[in-house]
Amino acid sequence: MDHPGETSARDDPPSANRHHLLGHPIDLAGHLATHGPIRVSIGRNPTWEKALIETLEISGLTGRGGGGFPTWAKLAMAFADGGGGILVVNGMESEPASDKDKVLLTRAPHLVLDGAQLLAAACRANEILVCVPQGSDAVADAVNRALYERAKDRYSVVTEYLVQPPYRFVAGEESALAQWIDRGKMRPVFRPDKGTPLRIGRLPTLVHNAETLAHIALIARYGPGPFRARGTPERPGTSLVTVSGAVSHPGVVEVEWGTLLLDIARRAKPYDMPSALLIGGYGGNWIGSAHFATPYSPAALGAIGAVAGAGVLIVLSPTACGLTESARIARFLAEESSGQCGPCLYGLSAIADDLSWLSSGHPDPELLPRLIRRLDQVDGRGGCHHPDGAVGMVRSALGVFAADVAAHLSGDPCANVTNPSQLRFPRAVAA
């Protein structure tokens, strides 16, 4: 039996379909006995490099870090940028409600590292940096054991290192991670899309999260067919989703794209019929019961104003106050600002103050218009997308919990305001 806050990797037992991310051997010997070694070309081999890019393009794999950028296109740009660069494994998992990278790096580390080796060889990188946050001792220990096994057996072609940046919410954003490695400052860089190349110093840099790399390792071994056999034509394959909140079995599940949201929630056994779901993480969107039957896919989620984001689904029960929970998230996001632009540094703090005042149930006829005005002033004006995620979360809360908004504004807040939070935070956060 799992306890709240723990992670469990749940999936159906491995079937004839070889493409599943969970349930792999942890040690290198078991990993190789199950899958065999990867085929990595040593030195310049344009034919092999381009073949890997084409295989990934056929698979339809997209990045699992939240941006959803085509993996093959990202690799092709890194390949064109020349060799001698750095491949970064983003295992920072700064989203408090996500555990998928922790699960992969502790339970299938060699799958992740194989994917990193393939990409590093294809873009001719000189080193691989595996980044996990300070304080995540279990993850760091698992990665160190895997690196030791690979070094001892001379299995890896490109040298692999463990790096431990400090925990910050923005650390999961790839440009912020690259900035920390380069300059020791955790500051995101504004990039219109993931196609904008990253650099550490003058070296070309390719950053991928653990889940994306694990998919790459399987696609390279078994081809794109088993991957495309699951999911939808629009978004093939599977995705890891961390389910938490008011559930008796919180943890990480592997689902096919297109699975209904309520079915994903039910995998974690909710205590009650959910009153709302938070999709995509703390910078994601609340949805109400009218949309519980939405398929978990980019197009379907986009149609209801949501995104898959970091692969998070949080179940809210009827015993929670959605406004109070949203105020806690807004406060956390405000405190996690990198402090490099006014909309994020001052705007998010003001929004968190307004939402906290609203959740406390104080009558104020100017509160809601002021909050909406501040949301409009911050949206799209930050130095990165961090404030946009906070704005989107708050806007969705005002819509999904509209009845509570009206009650709280009238000075008659719901009875659930003082109930303990159903959310997870790395530290105490006041509403």
Protein backbone atom coordinates (compact mmCIF):
# COMPACT_ATOMS: atom_id res chain seq x y z
CA MET A 1 0.00 0.00 0.00
CA ASP A 2 1.36 3.41 -0.96
CA HIS A 3 1.23 6.40 1.35
CA PRO A 4 0.48 9.98 0.31
CA GLY A 5 3.54 11.61 -1.19
CA GLU A 6 5.22 8.38 -2.20
CA THR A 7 5.70 7.35 -5.79
CA SER A 8 4.58 4.11 -7.33
CA ALA A 9 5.21 3.05 -10.92
CA ARG A 10 2.03 1.43 -12.12
CA ASP A 11 1.41 -0.04 -15.52
CA ASP A 12 0.05 -3.15 -17.06
CA PRO A 13 2.64 -5.95 -17.19
CA PRO A 14 4.96 -5.73 -20.22
CA SER A 15 3.21 -7.22 -23.21
CA ALA A 16 4.24 -8.19 -26.69
CA ASN A 17 4.51 -4.47 -27.36
CA ARG A 18 8.10 -3.70 -26.47
CA HIS A 19 7.58 0.00 -25.96
CA HIS A 20 6.84 0.57 -22.29
CA LEU A 21 8.82 2.80 -19.95
CA LEU A 22 8.11 1.13 -16.62
CA GLY A 23 9.19 -2.23 -15.25
CA HIS A 24 12.75 -2.40 -16.60
CA PRO A 25 15.83 -3.84 -14.81
CA ILE A 26 17.69 -1.33 -12.65
CA ASP A 27 21.20 -2.77 -13.00
CA LEU A 28 23.28 -2.69 -16.18
CA ALA A 29 23.58 -6.48 -16.47
CA GLY A 30 19.82 -6.93 -16.32
CA HIS A 31 19.29 -4.00 -18.67
CA LEU A 32 21.60 -5.50 -21.31
CA ALA A 33 20.16 -8.98 -20.85
CA THR A 34 16.70 -7.57 -21.57
CA HIS A 35 17.47 -5.14 -24.38
CA GLY A 36 21.01 -5.75 -25.57
CA PRO A 37 23.47 -2.90 -26.10
CA ILE A 38 22.61 0.19 -28.10
CA ARG A 39 24.32 0.73 -31.42
CA VAL A 40 26.23 3.99 -31.18
CA SER A 41 28.49 5.14 -33.99
CA ILE A 42 31.93 6.23 -32.84
CA GLY A 43 33.34 9.25 -34.66
CA ARG A 44 31.73 11.07 -37.54
CA ASN A 45 29.18 8.95 -39.33
CA PRO A 46 26.66 11.17 -41.15
CA THR A 47 24.75 8.14 -42.46
CA TRP A 48 24.10 6.75 -38.97
CA GLU A 49 23.38 10.20 -37.57
CA LYS A 50 20.82 11.03 -40.24
CA ALA A 51 19.25 7.58 -39.92
CA LEU A 52 18.60 8.22 -36.21
CA ILE A 53 17.02 11.57 -37.01
CA GLU A 54 14.78 9.94 -39.63
CA THR A 55 13.78 7.16 -37.23
CA LEU A 56 12.75 9.69 -34.61
CA GLU A 57 10.83 11.69 -37.21
CA ILE A 58 8.90 8.61 -38.33
CA SER A 59 8.11 7.76 -34.70
CA GLY A 60 6.43 11.12 -34.08
CA LEU A 61 8.08 11.44 -30.65
CA THR A 62 7.77 14.86 -29.06
CA GLY A 63 9.53 16.23 -26.00
CA ARG A 64 7.99 15.20 -22.67
CA GLY A 65 9.25 18.20 -20.72
CA GLY A 66 6.18 20.32 -21.41
CA GLY A 67 6.95 22.07 -24.68
CA GLY A 68 6.04 19.16 -26.95
CA PHE A 69 8.64 20.13 -29.58
CA PRO A 70 9.38 17.39 -32.17
CA THR A 71 12.38 15.44 -30.91
CA TRP A 72 13.81 14.80 -34.36
CA ALA A 73 13.76 18.51 -35.24
CA LYS A 74 15.57 19.44 -32.04
CA LEU A 75 18.24 16.83 -32.77
CA ALA A 76 18.55 17.92 -36.41
CA MET A 77 19.24 21.50 -35.33
CA ALA A 78 21.85 20.33 -32.81
CA PHE A 79 23.42 18.15 -35.50
CA ALA A 80 23.60 21.12 -37.87
CA ASP A 81 25.12 23.29 -35.13
CA GLY A 82 28.35 21.29 -35.25
CA GLY A 83 30.08 18.95 -32.83
CA GLY A 84 31.95 19.36 -29.60
CA GLY A 85 28.95 20.34 -27.52
CA ILE A 86 27.14 19.16 -24.40
CA LEU A 87 24.14 16.88 -23.93
CA VAL A 88 22.19 17.72 -20.76
CA VAL A 89 19.84 15.22 -19.12
CA ASN A 90 17.22 17.36 -17.40
CA GLY A 91 16.23 15.40 -14.32
CA MET A 92 15.53 18.50 -12.21
CA GLU A 93 11.80 17.78 -11.96
CA SER A 94 11.15 21.15 -10.35
CA GLU A 95 7.37 20.77 -10.75
CA PRO A 96 6.37 19.82 -7.17
CA ALA A 97 3.56 17.53 -8.32
CA SER A 98 5.70 15.49 -10.73
CA ASP A 99 7.65 12.29 -10.00
CA LYS A 100 8.15 10.78 -13.44
CA ASP A 101 11.82 11.69 -13.84
CA LYS A 102 12.54 10.43 -10.32
CA VAL A 103 10.90 7.12 -11.20
CA LEU A 104 12.87 6.70 -14.41
CA LEU A 105 16.24 7.72 -12.96
CA THR A 106 15.86 5.41 -9.96
CA ARG A 107 14.13 2.45 -11.65
CA ALA A 108 15.36 2.55 -15.25
CA PRO A 109 18.48 4.74 -15.24
CA HIS A 110 20.21 2.86 -18.06
CA LEU A 111 17.27 3.41 -20.37
CA VAL A 112 17.59 7.17 -19.83
CA LEU A 113 21.37 7.13 -20.19
CA ASP A 114 21.19 5.06 -23.37
CA GLY A 115 18.95 7.70 -24.90
CA ALA A 116 21.44 10.36 -23.87
CA GLN A 117 24.30 8.39 -25.45
CA LEU A 118 22.44 8.10 -28.73
CA LEU A 119 21.71 11.82 -28.95
CA ALA A 120 25.19 12.79 -27.79
CA ALA A 121 26.77 10.63 -30.47
CA ALA A 122 24.39 11.91 -33.15
CA CYS A 123 25.15 15.58 -32.44
CA ARG A 124 28.82 14.79 -31.67
CA ALA A 125 28.74 16.05 -28.11
CA ASN A 126 31.83 15.59 -25.97
CA GLU A 127 30.10 15.04 -22.64
CA ILE A 128 26.79 14.23 -20.98
CA LEU A 129 25.70 16.07 -17.84
CA VAL A 130 22.98 14.37 -15.81
CA CYS A 131 21.29 17.06 -13.72
CA VAL A 132 19.30 16.20 -10.59
CA PRO A 133 18.53 18.72 -7.83
CA GLN A 134 20.45 19.08 -4.59
CA GLY A 135 18.68 17.23 -1.80
CA SER A 136 17.38 14.40 -4.01
CA ASP A 137 19.73 11.86 -2.46
CA ALA A 138 17.91 8.71 -3.63
CA VAL A 139 17.94 9.89 -7.25
CA ALA A 140 21.58 10.99 -7.10
CA ASP A 141 22.60 7.65 -5.56
CA ALA A 142 20.79 5.70 -8.29
CA VAL A 143 22.40 7.78 -11.04
CA ASN A 144 25.85 7.44 -9.48
CA ARG A 145 25.46 3.65 -9.29
CA ALA A 146 24.45 3.53 -12.95
CA LEU A 147 27.36 5.77 -14.00
CA TYR A 148 29.78 3.58 -12.05
CA GLU A 149 28.48 0.40 -13.72
CA ARG A 150 28.76 1.95 -17.17
CA ALA A 151 32.26 3.32 -16.56
CA LYS A 152 33.49 0.02 -15.08
CA ASP A 153 32.24 -1.95 -18.09
CA ARG A 154 33.32 0.76 -20.55
CA TYR A 155 29.83 0.70 -21.92
CA SER A 156 29.35 4.40 -22.65
CA VAL A 157 30.99 6.09 -25.61
CA VAL A 158 30.48 9.66 -24.41
CA THR A 159 31.62 10.46 -20.86
CA GLU A 160 28.78 10.92 -18.37
CA TYR A 161 28.81 13.13 -15.26
CA LEU A 162 26.35 13.84 -12.45
CA VAL A 163 25.64 17.52 -11.71
CA GLN A 164 23.42 18.77 -8.87
CA PRO A 165 22.07 22.32 -9.26
CA PRO A 166 19.99 23.86 -6.46
CA TYR A 167 16.26 23.21 -6.45
CA ARG A 168 14.17 25.97 -8.00
CA PHE A 169 10.86 25.78 -9.85
CA VAL A 170 12.45 27.48 -12.89
CA ALA A 171 15.31 24.94 -12.85
CA GLY A 172 13.18 22.58 -14.92
CA GLU A 173 13.12 25.09 -17.78
CA GLU A 174 15.94 24.09 -20.09
CA SER A 175 17.36 27.56 -20.74
CA ALA A 176 17.47 28.28 -16.99
CA LEU A 177 19.30 24.99 -16.44
CA ALA A 178 21.81 25.82 -19.18
CA GLN A 179 22.32 29.28 -17.64
CA TRP A 180 23.09 27.73 -14.25
CA ILE A 181 25.61 25.28 -15.72
CA ASP A 182 27.22 28.12 -17.67
CA ARG A 183 27.08 31.02 -15.19
CA GLY A 184 25.72 29.71 -11.92
CA LYS A 185 22.52 31.76 -12.30
CA MET A 186 19.12 30.07 -12.55
CA ARG A 187 17.49 32.47 -15.01
CA PRO A 188 15.33 31.44 -17.98
CA VAL A 189 15.99 33.03 -21.34
CA PHE A 190 13.10 34.21 -23.48
CA ARG A 191 12.81 31.91 -26.49
CA PRO A 192 9.82 32.08 -28.85
CA ASP A 193 10.11 28.34 -29.41
CA LYS A 194 12.26 25.35 -28.57
CA GLY A 195 13.98 25.68 -31.92
CA THR A 196 16.18 28.50 -30.60
CA PRO A 197 19.61 26.90 -30.00
CA LEU A 198 21.04 26.77 -26.48
CA ARG A 199 24.69 27.25 -25.58
CA ILE A 200 26.84 26.71 -22.54
CA GLY A 201 29.69 29.10 -23.07
CA ARG A 202 30.28 28.84 -26.78
CA LEU A 203 29.42 25.15 -26.91
CA PRO A 204 26.21 23.98 -28.61
CA THR A 205 23.94 22.39 -26.02
CA LEU A 206 21.07 19.95 -26.33
CA VAL A 207 18.75 19.48 -23.32
CA HIS A 208 16.21 16.68 -22.95
CA ASN A 209 14.27 15.37 -19.98
CA ALA A 210 14.53 11.82 -18.71
CA GLU A 211 11.25 10.57 -20.19
CA THR A 212 12.10 11.75 -23.70
CA LEU A 213 15.48 10.04 -23.54
CA ALA A 214 13.97 6.76 -22.32
CA HIS A 215 11.60 6.78 -25.31
CA ILE A 216 14.55 7.42 -27.65
CA ALA A 217 16.45 4.42 -26.27
CA LEU A 218 13.52 2.10 -27.04
CA ILE A 219 12.72 3.60 -30.45
CA ALA A 220 16.37 3.26 -31.52
CA ARG A 221 16.39 -0.40 -30.49
CA TYR A 222 13.02 -1.58 -31.74
CA GLY A 223 12.10 0.95 -34.40
CA PRO A 224 9.20 3.39 -34.51
CA GLY A 225 6.54 0.69 -35.05
CA PRO A 226 5.99 -0.41 -31.41
CA PHE A 227 5.94 3.24 -30.33
CA ARG A 228 3.36 4.26 -32.93
CA ALA A 229 1.23 1.21 -32.16
CA ARG A 230 0.04 3.01 -29.03
CA GLY A 231 -1.53 6.42 -28.57
CA THR A 232 -3.24 8.36 -31.36
CA PRO A 233 -2.23 9.28 -34.93
CA GLU A 234 -1.89 12.89 -33.80
CA ARG A 235 0.23 12.00 -30.76
CA PRO A 236 1.57 8.44 -30.87
CA GLY A 237 3.08 6.53 -27.99
CA THR A 238 2.66 6.62 -24.25
CA SER A 239 3.23 9.28 -21.64
CA LEU A 240 4.07 9.17 -17.95
CA VAL A 241 1.58 11.04 -15.77
CA THR A 242 1.99 11.71 -12.06
CA VAL A 243 -1.38 11.49 -10.33
CA SER A 244 -1.76 12.98 -6.85
CA GLY A 245 -4.16 14.93 -4.67
CA ALA A 246 -7.21 13.31 -3.07
CA VAL A 247 -6.27 9.75 -4.08
CA SER A 248 -5.36 6.65 -2.10
CA HIS A 249 -2.67 5.47 -4.55
CA PRO A 250 -0.66 8.50 -5.70
CA GLY A 251 2.11 7.79 -8.17
CA VAL A 252 3.29 7.61 -11.74
CA VAL A 253 1.25 5.82 -14.38
CA GLU A 254 2.06 5.16 -18.02
CA VAL A 255 -0.89 5.89 -20.27
CA GLU A 256 -1.52 5.99 -23.97
CA TRP A 257 -2.19 9.38 -25.45
CA GLY A 258 -5.95 9.64 -25.93
CA THR A 259 -6.85 8.06 -22.56
CA LEU A 260 -9.75 9.90 -20.90
CA LEU A 261 -8.75 12.19 -18.04
CA LEU A 262 -11.13 10.59 -15.56
CA ASP A 263 -9.76 7.15 -16.43
CA ILE A 264 -6.24 8.39 -15.65
CA ALA A 265 -7.46 9.77 -12.32
CA ARG A 266 -9.16 6.48 -11.48
CA ARG A 267 -5.83 4.63 -11.80
CA ALA A 268 -4.84 6.34 -8.53
CA LYS A 269 -8.16 5.51 -6.80
CA PRO A 270 -9.70 8.87 -5.79
CA TYR A 271 -11.35 9.07 -2.38
CA ASP A 272 -14.47 10.63 -3.91
CA MET A 273 -15.75 11.68 -7.29
CA PRO A 274 -13.40 14.58 -8.10
CA SER A 275 -14.76 18.10 -7.96
CA ALA A 276 -12.00 19.34 -10.30
CA LEU A 277 -8.74 18.25 -11.91
CA LEU A 278 -5.56 20.28 -12.31
CA ILE A 279 -3.91 19.34 -15.60
CA GLY A 280 -0.28 20.05 -16.54
CA GLY A 281 1.15 21.02 -13.17
CA TYR A 282 1.11 24.15 -11.02
CA GLY A 283 1.41 26.29 -14.13
CA GLY A 284 -1.41 24.29 -15.75
CA ASN A 285 -5.17 24.61 -15.77
CA TRP A 286 -8.12 23.56 -13.62
CA ILE A 287 -10.96 21.77 -15.37
CA GLY A 288 -14.44 20.99 -14.07
CA SER A 289 -16.52 17.83 -14.26
CA ALA A 290 -17.96 18.81 -17.66
CA HIS A 291 -14.56 18.05 -19.19
CA PHE A 292 -13.55 14.91 -17.26
CA ALA A 293 -14.21 12.78 -20.36
CA THR A 294 -11.67 14.77 -22.42
CA PRO A 295 -8.98 12.62 -24.07
CA TYR A 296 -5.45 13.20 -22.85
CA SER A 297 -4.06 14.60 -26.10
CA PRO A 298 -2.80 18.04 -27.17
CA ALA A 299 -5.69 18.84 -29.51
CA ALA A 300 -8.42 17.71 -27.12
CA LEU A 301 -6.84 19.46 -24.16
CA GLY A 302 -6.29 22.60 -26.22
CA ALA A 303 -9.98 22.66 -27.09
CA ILE A 304 -10.83 23.07 -23.39
CA GLY A 305 -8.01 25.53 -22.69
CA ALA A 306 -5.61 23.06 -21.09
CA VAL A 307 -2.20 21.55 -21.88
CA ALA A 308 -0.44 18.34 -20.88
CA GLY A 309 2.51 20.38 -19.63
CA ALA A 310 4.73 18.49 -17.22
CA GLY A 311 2.56 15.37 -17.25
CA VAL A 312 0.67 16.03 -14.03
CA LEU A 313 -2.92 15.34 -12.99
CA ILE A 314 -4.08 16.46 -9.54
CA VAL A 315 -7.40 15.27 -8.16
CA LEU A 316 -9.35 17.74 -6.04
CA SER A 317 -12.07 16.31 -3.83
CA PRO A 318 -15.29 18.06 -2.73
CA THR A 319 -13.73 18.59 0.72
CA ALA A 320 -11.20 21.10 -0.64
CA CYS A 321 -11.63 24.78 -1.45
CA GLY A 322 -10.45 25.27 -5.00
CA LEU A 323 -9.79 28.97 -4.46
CA THR A 324 -7.64 28.34 -1.39
CA GLU A 325 -5.66 25.63 -3.18
CA SER A 326 -5.18 27.98 -6.14
CA ALA A 327 -4.03 30.75 -3.79
CA ARG A 328 -1.39 28.39 -2.38
CA ILE A 329 -0.16 27.60 -5.89
CA ALA A 330 -0.10 31.29 -6.85
CA ARG A 331 1.93 32.10 -3.73
CA PHE A 332 4.40 29.31 -4.46
CA LEU A 333 4.84 30.44 -8.08
CA ALA A 334 5.35 34.04 -6.97
CA GLU A 335 8.01 32.97 -4.47
CA GLU A 336 9.77 30.96 -7.19
CA SER A 337 10.25 33.96 -9.49
CA SER A 338 13.78 34.30 -10.84
CA GLY A 339 13.42 38.06 -10.24
CA GLN A 340 14.57 39.17 -13.67
CA CYS A 341 11.47 41.07 -14.83
CA GLY A 342 8.78 43.23 -13.25
CA PRO A 343 5.71 41.22 -14.38
CA CYS A 344 7.08 38.15 -12.63
CA LEU A 345 8.71 39.78 -9.60
CA TYR A 346 5.92 42.22 -8.74
CA GLY A 347 2.95 41.05 -10.80
CA LEU A 348 2.81 37.47 -9.50
CA SER A 349 3.14 38.63 -5.92
CA ALA A 350 0.24 41.06 -6.37
CA ILE A 351 -1.88 38.36 -8.00
CA ALA A 352 -1.12 35.96 -5.14
CA ASP A 353 -2.12 38.66 -2.63
CA ASP A 354 -5.44 39.26 -4.39
CA LEU A 355 -6.21 35.56 -4.66
CA SER A 356 -5.35 35.03 -0.99
CA TRP A 357 -7.70 37.87 -0.02
CA LEU A 358 -10.42 36.35 -2.22
CA SER A 359 -9.98 32.89 -0.69
CA SER A 360 -10.26 34.28 2.82
CA GLY A 361 -13.78 35.54 2.08
CA HIS A 362 -13.44 39.28 2.72
CA PRO A 363 -16.12 41.34 0.90
CA ASP A 364 -14.40 43.77 -1.47
CA PRO A 365 -16.22 45.00 -4.61
CA GLU A 366 -12.91 46.12 -6.15
CA LEU A 367 -11.10 42.82 -5.62
CA LEU A 368 -12.22 40.80 -8.64
CA PRO A 369 -11.85 43.66 -11.19
CA ARG A 370 -8.39 44.40 -9.78
CA LEU A 371 -7.33 40.76 -9.96
CA ILE A 372 -8.54 40.41 -13.56
CA ARG A 373 -6.75 43.62 -14.50
CA ARG A 374 -3.51 42.36 -13.01
CA LEU A 375 -3.82 39.06 -14.84
CA ASP A 376 -4.17 40.99 -18.12
CA GLN A 377 -1.18 43.19 -17.28
CA VAL A 378 1.12 40.23 -16.56
CA ASP A 379 0.02 37.84 -19.31
CA GLY A 380 2.60 37.63 -22.13
CA ARG A 381 4.81 40.36 -20.71
CA GLY A 382 7.32 38.33 -18.73
CA GLY A 383 10.92 37.57 -19.61
CA CYS A 384 9.96 33.88 -19.85
CA HIS A 385 6.77 31.80 -19.71
CA HIS A 386 6.76 31.35 -15.92
CA PRO A 387 4.29 34.19 -15.25
CA ASP A 388 2.08 33.05 -18.15
CA GLY A 389 1.59 29.67 -16.49
CA ALA A 390 0.60 31.31 -13.21
CA VAL A 391 -1.86 33.60 -14.99
CA GLY A 392 -3.43 30.68 -16.84
CA MET A 393 -3.85 28.70 -13.62
CA VAL A 394 -5.54 31.59 -11.83
CA ARG A 395 -7.85 32.35 -14.76
CA SER A 396 -8.94 28.72 -14.92
CA ALA A 397 -9.60 28.74 -11.16
CA LEU A 398 -11.85 31.80 -11.46
CA GLY A 399 -13.87 29.95 -14.10
CA VAL A 400 -14.06 26.44 -12.63
CA PHE A 401 -14.72 27.69 -9.11
CA ALA A 402 -17.01 30.55 -10.16
CA ALA A 403 -19.68 29.64 -7.60
CA ASP A 404 -17.07 29.80 -4.83
CA VAL A 405 -15.82 33.13 -6.16
CA ALA A 406 -19.30 34.59 -5.81
CA ALA A 407 -19.73 33.18 -2.30
CA HIS A 408 -16.33 34.37 -1.12
CA LEU A 409 -16.88 37.85 -2.55
CA SER A 410 -20.15 38.08 -0.63
CA GLY A 411 -18.34 37.37 2.62
CA ASP A 412 -19.71 33.85 2.90
CA PRO A 413 -16.73 31.58 2.07
CA CYS A 414 -17.18 27.83 1.74
CA ALA A 415 -16.68 25.61 4.78
CA ASN A 416 -13.55 24.03 3.26
CA VAL A 417 -11.32 27.11 3.48
CA THR A 418 -9.46 25.89 6.56
CA ASN A 419 -9.08 22.26 5.47
CA PRO A 420 -5.54 20.92 4.96
CA SER A 421 -4.14 21.23 1.46
CA GLN A 422 -4.53 18.31 -0.93
CA LEU A 423 -1.49 19.53 -2.89
CA ARG A 424 2.25 18.93 -2.52
CA PHE A 425 4.87 21.65 -2.03
CA PRO A 426 8.59 21.44 -1.31
CA ARG A 427 8.07 23.75 1.67
CA ALA A 428 5.23 25.28 3.67
CA VAL A 429 3.17 27.68 1.57
CA ALA A 430 0.51 29.94 3.03
CA ALA A 431 -2.65 30.75 1.10
